[in-house]
Amino acid sequence: MTRNIIIKTAFEATHHWPECPFEDVSFLKNEHRHIFHVTMKFYITHNDRDIEFIRKKQEVDKFIQNNYSNRFLGRTSCEDIAETLLGKFAACYVAVLEDNENGAEIYEN
């Protein structure tokens, strides 16, 4: 049996994709705003929680506030954010969605 805790959070930021090769979405080359929605999962080993999810969410929110929130992120992608969060917090799964619609997920194999 596998057990996880799940935290969700969101933050506002802008970014761009100056190398976008697709004419129909060439607006992505310009700075544009998103609400980035983050879902993270962490393995736990028992039902009394190895990790308390409110505390973990506070820790993640503090990191996001200091590094991503209300900033221009340059060409940072959803994949980049997810990979950073996965490594920084030893999560087993991270999804980052733009405006809670499209995005990327990264997880441990």
PDB file of N, CA and C in Angstrom:
ATOM      1  N   MET A   1       0.844  -1.180   0.000  1.00  0.00           N
ATOM      2  CA  MET A   1       0.000   0.000   0.000  1.00  0.00           C
ATOM      3  C   MET A   1       0.891   1.245   0.000  1.00  0.00           C
ATOM      4  N   THR A   2       0.531   2.202  -0.809  1.00  0.00           N
ATOM      5  CA  THR A   2       1.246   3.475  -0.857  1.00  0.00           C
ATOM      6  C   THR A   2       0.369   4.556  -0.250  1.00  0.00           C
ATOM      7  N   ARG A   3       0.974   5.369   0.604  1.00  0.00           N
ATOM      8  CA  ARG A   3       0.269   6.480   1.229  1.00  0.00           C
ATOM      9  C   ARG A   3       0.972   7.773   0.848  1.00  0.00           C
ATOM     10  N   ASN A   4       0.193   8.816   0.568  1.00  0.00           N
ATOM     11  CA  ASN A   4       0.717  10.149   0.284  1.00  0.00           C
ATOM     12  C   ASN A   4      -0.091  11.175   1.041  1.00  0.00           C
ATOM     13  N   ILE A   5       0.554  12.281   1.364  1.00  0.00           N
ATOM     14  CA  ILE A   5      -0.200  13.477   1.700  1.00  0.00           C
ATOM     15  C   ILE A   5      -0.176  14.350   0.456  1.00  0.00           C
ATOM     16  N   ILE A   6      -1.145  15.214   0.330  1.00  0.00           N
ATOM     17  CA  ILE A   6      -1.265  16.090  -0.825  1.00  0.00           C
ATOM     18  C   ILE A   6      -1.414  17.519  -0.335  1.00  0.00           C
ATOM     19  N   ILE A   7      -0.652  18.418  -0.959  1.00  0.00           N
ATOM     20  CA  ILE A   7      -0.861  19.839  -0.700  1.00  0.00           C
ATOM     21  C   ILE A   7      -1.107  20.526  -2.034  1.00  0.00           C
ATOM     22  N   LYS A   8      -1.890  21.594  -1.977  1.00  0.00           N
ATOM     23  CA  LYS A   8      -2.167  22.405  -3.159  1.00  0.00           C
ATOM     24  C   LYS A   8      -1.977  23.864  -2.789  1.00  0.00           C
ATOM     25  N   THR A   9      -1.451  24.613  -3.741  1.00  0.00           N
ATOM     26  CA  THR A   9      -1.266  26.037  -3.545  1.00  0.00           C
ATOM     27  C   THR A   9      -1.274  26.702  -4.907  1.00  0.00           C
ATOM     28  N   ALA A  10      -1.251  28.014  -4.928  1.00  0.00           N
ATOM     29  CA  ALA A  10      -1.256  28.753  -6.185  1.00  0.00           C
ATOM     30  C   ALA A  10      -0.513  30.069  -5.990  1.00  0.00           C
ATOM     31  N   PHE A  11       0.017  30.576  -7.098  1.00  0.00           N
ATOM     32  CA  PHE A  11       0.691  31.867  -7.058  1.00  0.00           C
ATOM     33  C   PHE A  11       0.587  32.537  -8.418  1.00  0.00           C
ATOM     34  N   GLU A  12       0.688  33.851  -8.405  1.00  0.00           N
ATOM     35  CA  GLU A  12       0.647  34.644  -9.628  1.00  0.00           C
ATOM     36  C   GLU A  12       2.065  35.010 -10.033  1.00  0.00           C
ATOM     37  N   ALA A  13       2.332  34.936 -11.317  1.00  0.00           N
ATOM     38  CA  ALA A  13       3.625  35.351 -11.857  1.00  0.00           C
ATOM     39  C   ALA A  13       3.483  35.538 -13.364  1.00  0.00           C
ATOM     40  N   THR A  14       4.518  36.110 -13.966  1.00  0.00           N
ATOM     41  CA  THR A  14       4.567  36.231 -15.415  1.00  0.00           C
ATOM     42  C   THR A  14       5.801  35.499 -15.933  1.00  0.00           C
ATOM     43  N   HIS A  15       5.723  35.100 -17.186  1.00  0.00           N
ATOM     44  CA  HIS A  15       6.874  34.492 -17.849  1.00  0.00           C
ATOM     45  C   HIS A  15       6.716  34.664 -19.352  1.00  0.00           C
ATOM     46  N   HIS A  16       7.671  34.146 -20.102  1.00  0.00           N
ATOM     47  CA  HIS A  16       7.576  34.173 -21.560  1.00  0.00           C
ATOM     48  C   HIS A  16       8.358  32.991 -22.128  1.00  0.00           C
ATOM     49  N   TRP A  17       8.137  32.751 -23.413  1.00  0.00           N
ATOM     50  CA  TRP A  17       8.841  31.693 -24.133  1.00  0.00           C
ATOM     51  C   TRP A  17       9.363  32.322 -25.417  1.00  0.00           C
ATOM     52  N   PRO A  18      10.490  33.022 -25.322  1.00  0.00           N
ATOM     53  CA  PRO A  18      10.970  33.767 -26.484  1.00  0.00           C
ATOM     54  C   PRO A  18      11.313  32.893 -27.685  1.00  0.00           C
ATOM     55  N   GLU A  19      11.586  31.614 -27.456  1.00  0.00           N
ATOM     56  CA  GLU A  19      11.947  30.698 -28.545  1.00  0.00           C
ATOM     57  C   GLU A  19      10.742  29.962 -29.131  1.00  0.00           C
ATOM     58  N   CYS A  20       9.548  30.344 -28.779  1.00  0.00           N
ATOM     59  CA  CYS A  20       8.354  29.633 -29.249  1.00  0.00           C
ATOM     60  C   CYS A  20       8.369  29.508 -30.779  1.00  0.00           C
ATOM     61  N   PRO A  21       8.357  28.278 -31.290  1.00  0.00           N
ATOM     62  CA  PRO A  21       8.433  28.087 -32.737  1.00  0.00           C
ATOM     63  C   PRO A  21       7.066  28.021 -33.441  1.00  0.00           C
ATOM     64  N   PHE A  22       5.985  28.153 -32.683  1.00  0.00           N
ATOM     65  CA  PHE A  22       4.649  27.955 -33.239  1.00  0.00           C
ATOM     66  C   PHE A  22       3.966  29.289 -33.505  1.00  0.00           C
ATOM     67  N   GLU A  23       3.686  29.566 -34.761  1.00  0.00           N
ATOM     68  CA  GLU A  23       3.109  30.846 -35.165  1.00  0.00           C
ATOM     69  C   GLU A  23       1.744  31.095 -34.513  1.00  0.00           C
ATOM     70  N   ASP A  24       0.920  30.057 -34.386  1.00  0.00           N
ATOM     71  CA  ASP A  24      -0.439  30.251 -33.864  1.00  0.00           C
ATOM     72  C   ASP A  24      -0.472  30.619 -32.387  1.00  0.00           C
ATOM     73  N   VAL A  25       0.617  30.400 -31.662  1.00  0.00           N
ATOM     74  CA  VAL A  25       0.706  30.807 -30.255  1.00  0.00           C
ATOM     75  C   VAL A  25       1.941  31.687 -30.042  1.00  0.00           C
ATOM     76  N   SER A  26       2.279  32.456 -31.037  1.00  0.00           N
ATOM     77  CA  SER A  26       3.483  33.295 -30.966  1.00  0.00           C
ATOM     78  C   SER A  26       3.403  34.345 -29.860  1.00  0.00           C
ATOM     79  N   PHE A  27       2.201  34.637 -29.367  1.00  0.00           N
ATOM     80  CA  PHE A  27       2.054  35.562 -28.234  1.00  0.00           C
ATOM     81  C   PHE A  27       2.813  35.069 -27.006  1.00  0.00           C
ATOM     82  N   LEU A  28       3.120  33.780 -26.939  1.00  0.00           N
ATOM     83  CA  LEU A  28       3.874  33.238 -25.801  1.00  0.00           C
ATOM     84  C   LEU A  28       5.289  33.790 -25.744  1.00  0.00           C
ATOM     85  N   LYS A  29       5.751  34.378 -26.836  1.00  0.00           N
ATOM     86  CA  LYS A  29       7.077  34.997 -26.848  1.00  0.00           C
ATOM     87  C   LYS A  29       7.118  36.227 -25.958  1.00  0.00           C
ATOM     88  N   ASN A  30       5.961  36.821 -25.725  1.00  0.00           N
ATOM     89  CA  ASN A  30       5.859  38.031 -24.908  1.00  0.00           C
ATOM     90  C   ASN A  30       5.550  37.673 -23.457  1.00  0.00           C
ATOM     91  N   GLU A  31       5.929  38.550 -22.564  1.00  0.00           N
ATOM     92  CA  GLU A  31       5.609  38.349 -21.149  1.00  0.00           C
ATOM     93  C   GLU A  31       4.091  38.263 -20.978  1.00  0.00           C
ATOM     94  N   HIS A  32       3.647  37.245 -20.238  1.00  0.00           N
ATOM     95  CA  HIS A  32       2.221  37.070 -19.983  1.00  0.00           C
ATOM     96  C   HIS A  32       2.005  36.486 -18.586  1.00  0.00           C
ATOM     97  N   ARG A  33       0.839  36.750 -18.037  1.00  0.00           N
ATOM     98  CA  ARG A  33       0.515  36.420 -16.652  1.00  0.00           C
ATOM     99  C   ARG A  33      -0.228  35.107 -16.542  1.00  0.00           C
ATOM    100  N   HIS A  34       0.051  34.397 -15.451  1.00  0.00           N
ATOM    101  CA  HIS A  34      -0.696  33.198 -15.105  1.00  0.00           C
ATOM    102  C   HIS A  34      -0.912  33.143 -13.597  1.00  0.00           C
ATOM    103  N   ILE A  35      -1.924  32.398 -13.214  1.00  0.00           N
ATOM    104  CA  ILE A  35      -2.007  31.872 -11.859  1.00  0.00           C
ATOM    105  C   ILE A  35      -1.511  30.436 -11.984  1.00  0.00           C
ATOM    106  N   PHE A  36      -0.366  30.156 -11.381  1.00  0.00           N
ATOM    107  CA  PHE A  36       0.215  28.817 -11.414  1.00  0.00           C
ATOM    108  C   PHE A  36      -0.362  28.021 -10.247  1.00  0.00           C
ATOM    109  N   HIS A  37      -0.974  26.888 -10.549  1.00  0.00           N
ATOM    110  CA  HIS A  37      -1.557  26.008  -9.533  1.00  0.00           C
ATOM    111  C   HIS A  37      -0.610  24.823  -9.334  1.00  0.00           C
ATOM    112  N   VAL A  38      -0.257  24.595  -8.086  1.00  0.00           N
ATOM    113  CA  VAL A  38       0.726  23.570  -7.740  1.00  0.00           C
ATOM    114  C   VAL A  38       0.061  22.493  -6.889  1.00  0.00           C
ATOM    115  N   THR A  39       0.269  21.242  -7.260  1.00  0.00           N
ATOM    116  CA  THR A  39      -0.135  20.095  -6.448  1.00  0.00           C
ATOM    117  C   THR A  39       1.120  19.283  -6.164  1.00  0.00           C
ATOM    118  N   MET A  40       1.327  18.956  -4.900  1.00  0.00           N
ATOM    119  CA  MET A  40       2.492  18.163  -4.515  1.00  0.00           C
ATOM    120  C   MET A  40       2.041  16.986  -3.660  1.00  0.00           C
ATOM    121  N   LYS A  41       2.716  15.847  -3.856  1.00  0.00           N
ATOM    122  CA  LYS A  41       2.464  14.659  -3.049  1.00  0.00           C
ATOM    123  C   LYS A  41       3.764  14.231  -2.380  1.00  0.00           C
ATOM    124  N   PHE A  42       3.614  13.731  -1.158  1.00  0.00           N
ATOM    125  CA  PHE A  42       4.742  13.261  -0.366  1.00  0.00           C
ATOM    126  C   PHE A  42       4.401  11.900   0.220  1.00  0.00           C
ATOM    127  N   TYR A  43       5.322  10.965   0.073  1.00  0.00           N
ATOM    128  CA  TYR A  43       5.117   9.646   0.680  1.00  0.00           C
ATOM    129  C   TYR A  43       5.057   9.754   2.194  1.00  0.00           C
ATOM    130  N   ILE A  44       4.154   8.994   2.785  1.00  0.00           N
ATOM    131  CA  ILE A  44       4.123   8.796   4.238  1.00  0.00           C
ATOM    132  C   ILE A  44       4.059   7.291   4.491  1.00  0.00           C
ATOM    133  N   THR A  45       4.416   6.871   5.681  1.00  0.00           N
ATOM    134  CA  THR A  45       4.510   5.436   5.947  1.00  0.00           C
ATOM    135  C   THR A  45       3.425   4.902   6.866  1.00  0.00           C
ATOM    136  N   HIS A  46       2.622   5.794   7.454  1.00  0.00           N
ATOM    137  CA  HIS A  46       1.558   5.322   8.346  1.00  0.00           C
ATOM    138  C   HIS A  46       0.434   6.343   8.394  1.00  0.00           C
ATOM    139  N   ASN A  47      -0.670   5.965   8.977  1.00  0.00           N
ATOM    140  CA  ASN A  47      -1.868   6.806   8.981  1.00  0.00           C
ATOM    141  C   ASN A  47      -1.833   7.937   9.996  1.00  0.00           C
ATOM    142  N   ASP A  48      -0.789   7.994  10.797  1.00  0.00           N
ATOM    143  CA  ASP A  48      -0.642   9.098  11.743  1.00  0.00           C
ATOM    144  C   ASP A  48       0.280  10.169  11.170  1.00  0.00           C
ATOM    145  N   ARG A  49       0.552  10.118   9.902  1.00  0.00           N
ATOM    146  CA  ARG A  49       1.296  11.086   9.110  1.00  0.00           C
ATOM    147  C   ARG A  49       2.712  11.349   9.591  1.00  0.00           C
ATOM    148  N   ASP A  50       3.670  10.932   8.800  1.00  0.00           N
ATOM    149  CA  ASP A  50       5.072  11.281   9.022  1.00  0.00           C
ATOM    150  C   ASP A  50       5.291  12.774   8.793  1.00  0.00           C
ATOM    151  N   ILE A  51       4.508  13.337   7.872  1.00  0.00           N
ATOM    152  CA  ILE A  51       4.607  14.743   7.493  1.00  0.00           C
ATOM    153  C   ILE A  51       3.240  15.371   7.729  1.00  0.00           C
ATOM    154  N   GLU A  52       3.204  16.447   8.463  1.00  0.00           N
ATOM    155  CA  GLU A  52       1.935  17.132   8.708  1.00  0.00           C
ATOM    156  C   GLU A  52       1.682  18.074   7.541  1.00  0.00           C
ATOM    157  N   PHE A  53       0.560  17.914   6.838  1.00  0.00           N
ATOM    158  CA  PHE A  53       0.389  18.632   5.587  1.00  0.00           C
ATOM    159  C   PHE A  53       0.234  20.133   5.723  1.00  0.00           C
ATOM    160  N   ILE A  54      -0.320  20.634   6.807  1.00  0.00           N
ATOM    161  CA  ILE A  54      -0.425  22.089   6.981  1.00  0.00           C
ATOM    162  C   ILE A  54       0.972  22.695   7.102  1.00  0.00           C
ATOM    163  N   ARG A  55       1.827  22.048   7.869  1.00  0.00           N
ATOM    164  CA  ARG A  55       3.203  22.534   8.026  1.00  0.00           C
ATOM    165  C   ARG A  55       3.974  22.469   6.708  1.00  0.00           C
ATOM    166  N   LYS A  56       3.795  21.402   5.955  1.00  0.00           N
ATOM    167  CA  LYS A  56       4.487  21.264   4.672  1.00  0.00           C
ATOM    168  C   LYS A  56       4.007  22.337   3.696  1.00  0.00           C
ATOM    169  N   LYS A  57       2.702  22.591   3.676  1.00  0.00           N
ATOM    170  CA  LYS A  57       2.171  23.632   2.793  1.00  0.00           C
ATOM    171  C   LYS A  57       2.743  24.999   3.161  1.00  0.00           C
ATOM    172  N   GLN A  58       2.844  25.287   4.444  1.00  0.00           N
ATOM    173  CA  GLN A  58       3.431  26.559   4.872  1.00  0.00           C
ATOM    174  C   GLN A  58       4.878  26.685   4.406  1.00  0.00           C
ATOM    175  N   GLU A  59       5.624  25.594   4.492  1.00  0.00           N
ATOM    176  CA  GLU A  59       7.018  25.575   4.054  1.00  0.00           C
ATOM    177  C   GLU A  59       7.122  25.821   2.542  1.00  0.00           C
ATOM    178  N   VAL A  60       6.292  25.140   1.779  1.00  0.00           N
ATOM    179  CA  VAL A  60       6.280  25.313   0.324  1.00  0.00           C
ATOM    180  C   VAL A  60       5.842  26.731  -0.036  1.00  0.00           C
ATOM    181  N   ASP A  61       4.786  27.233   0.604  1.00  0.00           N
ATOM    182  CA  ASP A  61       4.301  28.585   0.318  1.00  0.00           C
ATOM    183  C   ASP A  61       5.380  29.634   0.585  1.00  0.00           C
ATOM    184  N   LYS A  62       6.138  29.459   1.642  1.00  0.00           N
ATOM    185  CA  LYS A  62       7.212  30.409   1.955  1.00  0.00           C
ATOM    186  C   LYS A  62       8.270  30.399   0.850  1.00  0.00           C
ATOM    187  N   PHE A  63       8.647  29.214   0.379  1.00  0.00           N
ATOM    188  CA  PHE A  63       9.617  29.113  -0.708  1.00  0.00           C
ATOM    189  C   PHE A  63       9.079  29.760  -1.977  1.00  0.00           C
ATOM    190  N   ILE A  64       7.821  29.472  -2.308  1.00  0.00           N
ATOM    191  CA  ILE A  64       7.215  30.052  -3.505  1.00  0.00           C
ATOM    192  C   ILE A  64       7.149  31.571  -3.391  1.00  0.00           C
ATOM    193  N   GLN A  65       6.758  32.072  -2.239  1.00  0.00           N
ATOM    194  CA  GLN A  65       6.678  33.525  -2.024  1.00  0.00           C
ATOM    195  C   GLN A  65       8.043  34.183  -2.244  1.00  0.00           C
ATOM    196  N   ASN A  66       9.091  33.529  -1.777  1.00  0.00           N
ATOM    197  CA  ASN A  66      10.440  34.096  -1.881  1.00  0.00           C
ATOM    198  C   ASN A  66      11.073  33.927  -3.257  1.00  0.00           C
ATOM    199  N   ASN A  67      10.572  33.006  -4.072  1.00  0.00           N
ATOM    200  CA  ASN A  67      11.244  32.684  -5.325  1.00  0.00           C
ATOM    201  C   ASN A  67      10.417  32.846  -6.594  1.00  0.00           C
ATOM    202  N   TYR A  68       9.104  32.803  -6.497  1.00  0.00           N
ATOM    203  CA  TYR A  68       8.269  32.812  -7.702  1.00  0.00           C
ATOM    204  C   TYR A  68       7.145  33.841  -7.689  1.00  0.00           C
ATOM    205  N   SER A  69       6.498  34.004  -6.575  1.00  0.00           N
ATOM    206  CA  SER A  69       5.259  34.770  -6.510  1.00  0.00           C
ATOM    207  C   SER A  69       5.454  36.232  -6.912  1.00  0.00           C
ATOM    208  N   ASN A  70       4.542  36.707  -7.784  1.00  0.00           N
ATOM    209  CA  ASN A  70       4.509  38.103  -8.215  1.00  0.00           C
ATOM    210  C   ASN A  70       5.820  38.558  -8.840  1.00  0.00           C
ATOM    211  N   ARG A  71       6.426  37.665  -9.621  1.00  0.00           N
ATOM    212  CA  ARG A  71       7.689  37.976 -10.281  1.00  0.00           C
ATOM    213  C   ARG A  71       7.613  37.644 -11.757  1.00  0.00           C
ATOM    214  N   PHE A  72       8.537  38.241 -12.506  1.00  0.00           N
ATOM    215  CA  PHE A  72       8.760  37.838 -13.882  1.00  0.00           C
ATOM    216  C   PHE A  72       9.748  36.680 -13.827  1.00  0.00           C
ATOM    217  N   LEU A  73       9.337  35.516 -14.295  1.00  0.00           N
ATOM    218  CA  LEU A  73      10.134  34.304 -14.182  1.00  0.00           C
ATOM    219  C   LEU A  73      10.988  34.030 -15.419  1.00  0.00           C
ATOM    220  N   GLY A  74      11.002  34.986 -16.346  1.00  0.00           N
ATOM    221  CA  GLY A  74      11.770  34.768 -17.566  1.00  0.00           C
ATOM    222  C   GLY A  74      11.183  33.615 -18.361  1.00  0.00           C
ATOM    223  N   ARG A  75      12.039  32.733 -18.844  1.00  0.00           N
ATOM    224  CA  ARG A  75      11.557  31.607 -19.657  1.00  0.00           C
ATOM    225  C   ARG A  75      11.302  30.358 -18.811  1.00  0.00           C
ATOM    226  N   THR A  76      11.182  30.520 -17.500  1.00  0.00           N
ATOM    227  CA  THR A  76      10.889  29.405 -16.604  1.00  0.00           C
ATOM    228  C   THR A  76       9.546  28.775 -16.981  1.00  0.00           C
ATOM    229  N   SER A  77       9.549  27.463 -17.165  1.00  0.00           N
ATOM    230  CA  SER A  77       8.347  26.730 -17.570  1.00  0.00           C
ATOM    231  C   SER A  77       7.702  26.026 -16.379  1.00  0.00           C
ATOM    232  N   CYS A  78       6.527  25.474 -16.606  1.00  0.00           N
ATOM    233  CA  CYS A  78       5.874  24.645 -15.587  1.00  0.00           C
ATOM    234  C   CYS A  78       6.777  23.479 -15.202  1.00  0.00           C
ATOM    235  N   GLU A  79       7.433  22.885 -16.208  1.00  0.00           N
ATOM    236  CA  GLU A  79       8.344  21.769 -15.951  1.00  0.00           C
ATOM    237  C   GLU A  79       9.501  22.200 -15.051  1.00  0.00           C
ATOM    238  N   ASP A  80      10.044  23.404 -15.305  1.00  0.00           N
ATOM    239  CA  ASP A  80      11.147  23.910 -14.479  1.00  0.00           C
ATOM    240  C   ASP A  80      10.717  24.093 -13.026  1.00  0.00           C
ATOM    241  N   ILE A  81       9.552  24.689 -12.831  1.00  0.00           N
ATOM    242  CA  ILE A  81       9.043  24.916 -11.475  1.00  0.00           C
ATOM    243  C   ILE A  81       8.810  23.580 -10.776  1.00  0.00           C
ATOM    244  N   ALA A  82       8.158  22.644 -11.478  1.00  0.00           N
ATOM    245  CA  ALA A  82       7.873  21.333 -10.887  1.00  0.00           C
ATOM    246  C   ALA A  82       9.152  20.603 -10.495  1.00  0.00           C
ATOM    247  N   GLU A  83      10.144  20.631 -11.365  1.00  0.00           N
ATOM    248  CA  GLU A  83      11.406  19.944 -11.074  1.00  0.00           C
ATOM    249  C   GLU A  83      12.109  20.562  -9.867  1.00  0.00           C
ATOM    250  N   THR A  84      12.097  21.874  -9.783  1.00  0.00           N
ATOM    251  CA  THR A  84      12.704  22.552  -8.631  1.00  0.00           C
ATOM    252  C   THR A  84      11.994  22.162  -7.338  1.00  0.00           C
ATOM    253  N   LEU A  85      10.665  22.208  -7.345  1.00  0.00           N
ATOM    254  CA  LEU A  85       9.904  21.875  -6.136  1.00  0.00           C
ATOM    255  C   LEU A  85      10.081  20.411  -5.744  1.00  0.00           C
ATOM    256  N   LEU A  86      10.106  19.517  -6.733  1.00  0.00           N
ATOM    257  CA  LEU A  86      10.299  18.092  -6.460  1.00  0.00           C
ATOM    258  C   LEU A  86      11.612  17.874  -5.711  1.00  0.00           C
ATOM    259  N   GLY A  87      12.672  18.469  -6.212  1.00  0.00           N
ATOM    260  CA  GLY A  87      13.980  18.292  -5.595  1.00  0.00           C
ATOM    261  C   GLY A  87      14.127  19.004  -4.265  1.00  0.00           C
ATOM    262  N   LYS A  88      13.662  20.234  -4.191  1.00  0.00           N
ATOM    263  CA  LYS A  88      13.808  21.044  -2.973  1.00  0.00           C
ATOM    264  C   LYS A  88      13.091  20.411  -1.781  1.00  0.00           C
ATOM    265  N   PHE A  89      11.922  19.820  -2.029  1.00  0.00           N
ATOM    266  CA  PHE A  89      11.096  19.330  -0.928  1.00  0.00           C
ATOM    267  C   PHE A  89      11.000  17.813  -0.865  1.00  0.00           C
ATOM    268  N   ALA A  90      11.774  17.111  -1.674  1.00  0.00           N
ATOM    269  CA  ALA A  90      11.772  15.638  -1.684  1.00  0.00           C
ATOM    270  C   ALA A  90      10.349  15.089  -1.841  1.00  0.00           C
ATOM    271  N   ALA A  91       9.599  15.711  -2.723  1.00  0.00           N
ATOM    272  CA  ALA A  91       8.247  15.244  -3.027  1.00  0.00           C
ATOM    273  C   ALA A  91       8.338  14.016  -3.929  1.00  0.00           C
ATOM    274  N   CYS A  92       7.250  13.272  -4.006  1.00  0.00           N
ATOM    275  CA  CYS A  92       7.213  12.147  -4.946  1.00  0.00           C
ATOM    276  C   CYS A  92       6.455  12.516  -6.219  1.00  0.00           C
ATOM    277  N   TYR A  93       5.763  13.673  -6.208  1.00  0.00           N
ATOM    278  CA  TYR A  93       4.971  14.102  -7.363  1.00  0.00           C
ATOM    279  C   TYR A  93       4.750  15.605  -7.266  1.00  0.00           C
ATOM    280  N   VAL A  94       4.899  16.289  -8.388  1.00  0.00           N
ATOM    281  CA  VAL A  94       4.569  17.715  -8.463  1.00  0.00           C
ATOM    282  C   VAL A  94       3.899  17.985  -9.805  1.00  0.00           C
ATOM    283  N   ALA A  95       2.781  18.682  -9.767  1.00  0.00           N
ATOM    284  CA  ALA A  95       2.124  19.177 -10.974  1.00  0.00           C
ATOM    285  C   ALA A  95       2.043  20.692 -10.879  1.00  0.00           C
ATOM    286  N   VAL A  96       2.332  21.367 -11.988  1.00  0.00           N
ATOM    287  CA  VAL A  96       2.198  22.818 -12.072  1.00  0.00           C
ATOM    288  C   VAL A  96       1.351  23.112 -13.301  1.00  0.00           C
ATOM    289  N   LEU A  97       0.214  23.751 -13.072  1.00  0.00           N
ATOM    290  CA  LEU A  97      -0.721  24.079 -14.149  1.00  0.00           C
ATOM    291  C   LEU A  97      -0.830  25.593 -14.295  1.00  0.00           C
ATOM    292  N   GLU A  98      -0.878  26.051 -15.541  1.00  0.00           N
ATOM    293  CA  GLU A  98      -1.132  27.454 -15.805  1.00  0.00           C
ATOM    294  C   GLU A  98      -2.645  27.678 -15.788  1.00  0.00           C
ATOM    295  N   ASP A  99      -3.078  28.557 -14.902  1.00  0.00           N
ATOM    296  CA  ASP A  99      -4.489  28.920 -14.779  1.00  0.00           C
ATOM    297  C   ASP A  99      -5.382  27.713 -14.520  1.00  0.00           C
ATOM    298  N   ASN A 100      -4.802  26.715 -13.884  1.00  0.00           N
ATOM    299  CA  ASN A 100      -5.476  25.468 -13.510  1.00  0.00           C
ATOM    300  C   ASN A 100      -6.035  24.727 -14.731  1.00  0.00           C
ATOM    301  N   GLU A 101      -5.378  24.891 -15.878  1.00  0.00           N
ATOM    302  CA  GLU A 101      -5.834  24.230 -17.100  1.00  0.00           C
ATOM    303  C   GLU A 101      -4.783  23.293 -17.684  1.00  0.00           C
ATOM    304  N   ASN A 102      -3.673  23.858 -18.121  1.00  0.00           N
ATOM    305  CA  ASN A 102      -2.638  23.087 -18.811  1.00  0.00           C
ATOM    306  C   ASN A 102      -1.329  23.227 -18.062  1.00  0.00           C
ATOM    307  N   GLY A 103      -0.508  22.198 -18.120  1.00  0.00           N
ATOM    308  CA  GLY A 103       0.760  22.289 -17.437  1.00  0.00           C
ATOM    309  C   GLY A 103       1.557  21.018 -17.539  1.00  0.00           C
ATOM    310  N   ALA A 104       2.300  20.741 -16.485  1.00  0.00           N
ATOM    311  CA  ALA A 104       3.210  19.595 -16.498  1.00  0.00           C
ATOM    312  C   ALA A 104       3.213  18.928 -15.137  1.00  0.00           C
ATOM    313  N   GLU A 105       3.590  17.651 -15.154  1.00  0.00           N
ATOM    314  CA  GLU A 105       3.776  16.931 -13.892  1.00  0.00           C
ATOM    315  C   GLU A 105       5.109  16.187 -13.958  1.00  0.00           C
ATOM    316  N   ILE A 106       5.736  16.095 -12.820  1.00  0.00           N
ATOM    317  CA  ILE A 106       6.986  15.362 -12.676  1.00  0.00           C
ATOM    318  C   ILE A 106       6.842  14.510 -11.432  1.00  0.00           C
ATOM    319  N   TYR A 107       7.296  13.260 -11.510  1.00  0.00           N
ATOM    320  CA  TYR A 107       7.199  12.381 -10.354  1.00  0.00           C
ATOM    321  C   TYR A 107       8.364  11.416 -10.331  1.00  0.00           C
ATOM    322  N   GLU A 108       8.599  10.888  -9.129  1.00  0.00           N
ATOM    323  CA  GLU A 108       9.629   9.862  -8.945  1.00  0.00           C
ATOM    324  C   GLU A 108       9.211   8.604  -9.665  1.00  0.00           C
ATOM    325  N   ASN A 109      10.172   7.906 -10.223  1.00  0.00           N
ATOM    326  CA  ASN A 109       9.881   6.600 -10.830  1.00  0.00           C
ATOM    327  C   ASN A 109       9.986   5.509  -9.790  1.00  0.00           C
TER     328      ASN A 109
END
